[in-house]
Amino acid sequence: ELEAREAEVRSELEAREALLSAEYREMRMELEEHQIKLEEHQIKLAEERKNLRRDVAKRAAEYQTRDDEMRTEAEQAVARARDMQAKLSAARQDRQKVEGNLREQLQQLQ
């Protein structure tokens, strides 16, 4: 009777061990699947970061180019304004000179 009970206990232990072993294999497979998904996600994330850095660098270069263009346009506008101011000043001087000459001519006629 003791041997029968011992065989029964061994049989139960072997069945539990087989069940635990099957559960362990299943958990290992799930873990491997999760690790694969994690690696895929990390690769995708790294690619997205690389693309984002590239896009940011591209936008920064575009903004720098636009800034340079605007700076050049502003410098050209200032140069044109100075040129116009010089021309206006010269025109005023010419006008004053002509007015002075006309006054002299009027005085001589009177």
C-alpha atoms as a PDB file:
ATOM      1  CA  GLU A   1       0.000   0.000   0.000  1.00  0.00           C
ATOM      2  CA  LEU A   2       2.889   2.351   0.739  1.00  0.00           C
ATOM      3  CA  GLU A   3       4.433   1.576  -2.611  1.00  0.00           C
ATOM      4  CA  ALA A   4       1.121   2.286  -4.347  1.00  0.00           C
ATOM      5  CA  ARG A   5       0.849   5.637  -2.535  1.00  0.00           C
ATOM      6  CA  GLU A   6       4.446   6.461  -3.408  1.00  0.00           C
ATOM      7  CA  ALA A   7       3.774   5.660  -7.068  1.00  0.00           C
ATOM      8  CA  GLU A   8       0.633   7.808  -6.969  1.00  0.00           C
ATOM      9  CA  VAL A   9       2.544  10.754  -5.448  1.00  0.00           C
ATOM     10  CA  ARG A  10       5.332  10.329  -7.998  1.00  0.00           C
ATOM     11  CA  SER A  11       2.762  10.268 -10.767  1.00  0.00           C
ATOM     12  CA  GLU A  12       1.162  13.481  -9.433  1.00  0.00           C
ATOM     13  CA  LEU A  13       4.571  15.157  -9.104  1.00  0.00           C
ATOM     14  CA  GLU A  14       5.536  14.129 -12.634  1.00  0.00           C
ATOM     15  CA  ALA A  15       2.219  15.455 -13.945  1.00  0.00           C
ATOM     16  CA  ARG A  16       2.742  18.770 -12.081  1.00  0.00           C
ATOM     17  CA  GLU A  17       6.325  18.945 -13.313  1.00  0.00           C
ATOM     18  CA  ALA A  18       5.162  18.325 -16.895  1.00  0.00           C
ATOM     19  CA  LEU A  19       2.478  21.024 -16.509  1.00  0.00           C
ATOM     20  CA  LEU A  20       4.971  23.483 -15.015  1.00  0.00           C
ATOM     21  CA  SER A  21       7.464  22.646 -17.729  1.00  0.00           C
ATOM     22  CA  ALA A  22       4.827  23.281 -20.422  1.00  0.00           C
ATOM     23  CA  GLU A  23       3.833  26.587 -18.729  1.00  0.00           C
ATOM     24  CA  TYR A  24       7.507  27.562 -18.529  1.00  0.00           C
ATOM     25  CA  ARG A  25       8.038  26.858 -22.251  1.00  0.00           C
ATOM     26  CA  GLU A  26       4.918  28.881 -23.061  1.00  0.00           C
ATOM     27  CA  MET A  27       6.108  31.771 -20.915  1.00  0.00           C
ATOM     28  CA  ARG A  28       9.573  31.622 -22.549  1.00  0.00           C
ATOM     29  CA  MET A  29       7.934  31.775 -25.979  1.00  0.00           C
ATOM     30  CA  GLU A  30       5.822  34.773 -24.912  1.00  0.00           C
ATOM     31  CA  LEU A  31       8.912  36.430 -23.478  1.00  0.00           C
ATOM     32  CA  GLU A  32      10.797  35.872 -26.738  1.00  0.00           C
ATOM     33  CA  GLU A  33       7.839  37.303 -28.707  1.00  0.00           C
ATOM     34  CA  HIS A  34       7.786  40.369 -26.451  1.00  0.00           C
ATOM     35  CA  GLN A  35      11.551  40.771 -26.814  1.00  0.00           C
ATOM     36  CA  ILE A  36      11.231  40.611 -30.594  1.00  0.00           C
ATOM     37  CA  LYS A  37       8.414  43.184 -30.521  1.00  0.00           C
ATOM     38  CA  LEU A  38      10.472  45.386 -28.205  1.00  0.00           C
ATOM     39  CA  GLU A  39      13.486  45.190 -30.514  1.00  0.00           C
ATOM     40  CA  GLU A  40      11.282  46.002 -33.520  1.00  0.00           C
ATOM     41  CA  HIS A  41       9.796  48.941 -31.626  1.00  0.00           C
ATOM     42  CA  GLN A  42      13.258  50.180 -30.643  1.00  0.00           C
ATOM     43  CA  ILE A  43      14.435  49.953 -34.258  1.00  0.00           C
ATOM     44  CA  LYS A  44      11.352  51.844 -35.430  1.00  0.00           C
ATOM     45  CA  LEU A  45      11.841  54.455 -32.716  1.00  0.00           C
ATOM     46  CA  ALA A  46      15.506  54.905 -33.654  1.00  0.00           C
ATOM     47  CA  GLU A  47      14.510  55.368 -37.306  1.00  0.00           C
ATOM     48  CA  GLU A  48      11.847  57.913 -36.336  1.00  0.00           C
ATOM     49  CA  ARG A  49      14.382  59.802 -34.209  1.00  0.00           C
ATOM     50  CA  LYS A  50      16.860  59.790 -37.105  1.00  0.00           C
ATOM     51  CA  ASN A  51      14.165  61.098 -39.460  1.00  0.00           C
ATOM     52  CA  LEU A  52      13.136  63.736 -36.937  1.00  0.00           C
ATOM     53  CA  ARG A  53      16.745  64.897 -36.498  1.00  0.00           C
ATOM     54  CA  ARG A  54      17.141  65.051 -40.280  1.00  0.00           C
ATOM     55  CA  ASP A  55      13.911  67.061 -40.623  1.00  0.00           C
ATOM     56  CA  VAL A  56      14.941  69.434 -37.847  1.00  0.00           C
ATOM     57  CA  ALA A  57      18.369  69.940 -39.429  1.00  0.00           C
ATOM     58  CA  LYS A  58      16.729  70.550 -42.810  1.00  0.00           C
ATOM     59  CA  ARG A  59      14.310  73.107 -41.330  1.00  0.00           C
ATOM     60  CA  ALA A  60      17.144  74.803 -39.458  1.00  0.00           C
ATOM     61  CA  ALA A  61      19.115  75.096 -42.701  1.00  0.00           C
ATOM     62  CA  GLU A  62      16.045  76.481 -44.473  1.00  0.00           C
ATOM     63  CA  TYR A  63      15.496  79.023 -41.686  1.00  0.00           C
ATOM     64  CA  GLN A  64      19.159  80.012 -41.792  1.00  0.00           C
ATOM     65  CA  THR A  65      18.975  80.475 -45.562  1.00  0.00           C
ATOM     66  CA  ARG A  66      15.799  82.544 -45.204  1.00  0.00           C
ATOM     67  CA  ASP A  67      17.427  84.587 -42.443  1.00  0.00           C
ATOM     68  CA  ASP A  68      20.434  85.247 -44.679  1.00  0.00           C
ATOM     69  CA  GLU A  69      18.151  86.237 -47.554  1.00  0.00           C
ATOM     70  CA  MET A  70      16.135  88.590 -45.344  1.00  0.00           C
ATOM     71  CA  ARG A  71      19.307  90.106 -43.924  1.00  0.00           C
ATOM     72  CA  THR A  72      20.619  90.711 -47.462  1.00  0.00           C
ATOM     73  CA  GLU A  73      17.278  92.223 -48.497  1.00  0.00           C
ATOM     74  CA  ALA A  74      17.327  94.497 -45.446  1.00  0.00           C
ATOM     75  CA  GLU A  75      20.891  95.609 -46.180  1.00  0.00           C
ATOM     76  CA  GLN A  76      19.929  96.316 -49.788  1.00  0.00           C
ATOM     77  CA  ALA A  77      16.872  98.291 -48.647  1.00  0.00           C
ATOM     78  CA  VAL A  78      19.032 100.369 -46.290  1.00  0.00           C
ATOM     79  CA  ALA A  79      21.528 101.014 -49.121  1.00  0.00           C
ATOM     80  CA  ARG A  80      18.690 102.080 -51.452  1.00  0.00           C
ATOM     81  CA  ALA A  81      17.236 104.340 -48.766  1.00  0.00           C
ATOM     82  CA  ARG A  82      20.625 105.986 -48.232  1.00  0.00           C
ATOM     83  CA  ASP A  83      21.048 106.414 -51.976  1.00  0.00           C
ATOM     84  CA  MET A  84      17.585 107.973 -52.259  1.00  0.00           C
ATOM     85  CA  GLN A  85      18.334 110.229 -49.301  1.00  0.00           C
ATOM     86  CA  ALA A  86      21.571 111.385 -50.969  1.00  0.00           C
ATOM     87  CA  LYS A  87      19.710 112.020 -54.245  1.00  0.00           C
ATOM     88  CA  LEU A  88      16.966 113.919 -52.403  1.00  0.00           C
ATOM     89  CA  SER A  89      19.557 116.024 -50.601  1.00  0.00           C
ATOM     90  CA  ALA A  90      21.314 116.769 -53.894  1.00  0.00           C
ATOM     91  CA  ALA A  91      17.983 117.676 -55.506  1.00  0.00           C
ATOM     92  CA  ARG A  92      17.199 120.070 -52.613  1.00  0.00           C
ATOM     93  CA  GLN A  93      20.591 121.709 -52.988  1.00  0.00           C
ATOM     94  CA  ASP A  94      20.026 122.070 -56.732  1.00  0.00           C
ATOM     95  CA  ARG A  95      16.585 123.541 -56.114  1.00  0.00           C
ATOM     96  CA  GLN A  96      17.967 126.004 -53.570  1.00  0.00           C
ATOM     97  CA  LYS A  97      20.710 126.987 -56.008  1.00  0.00           C
ATOM     98  CA  VAL A  98      18.164 127.522 -58.811  1.00  0.00           C
ATOM     99  CA  GLU A  99      15.878 129.491 -56.475  1.00  0.00           C
ATOM    100  CA  GLY A 100      18.831 131.629 -55.435  1.00  0.00           C
ATOM    101  CA  ASN A 101      19.712 132.285 -59.084  1.00  0.00           C
ATOM    102  CA  LEU A 102      16.077 133.166 -59.878  1.00  0.00           C
ATOM    103  CA  ARG A 103      15.934 135.629 -56.955  1.00  0.00           C
ATOM    104  CA  GLU A 104      19.098 137.292 -58.175  1.00  0.00           C
ATOM    105  CA  GLN A 105      17.665 137.536 -61.690  1.00  0.00           C
ATOM    106  CA  LEU A 106      14.395 138.989 -60.327  1.00  0.00           C
ATOM    107  CA  GLN A 107      16.282 141.556 -58.278  1.00  0.00           C
ATOM    108  CA  GLN A 108      18.332 142.546 -61.289  1.00  0.00           C
ATOM    109  CA  LEU A 109      15.148 142.978 -63.352  1.00  0.00           C
ATOM    110  CA  GLN A 110      13.580 145.241 -60.753  1.00  0.00           C
END
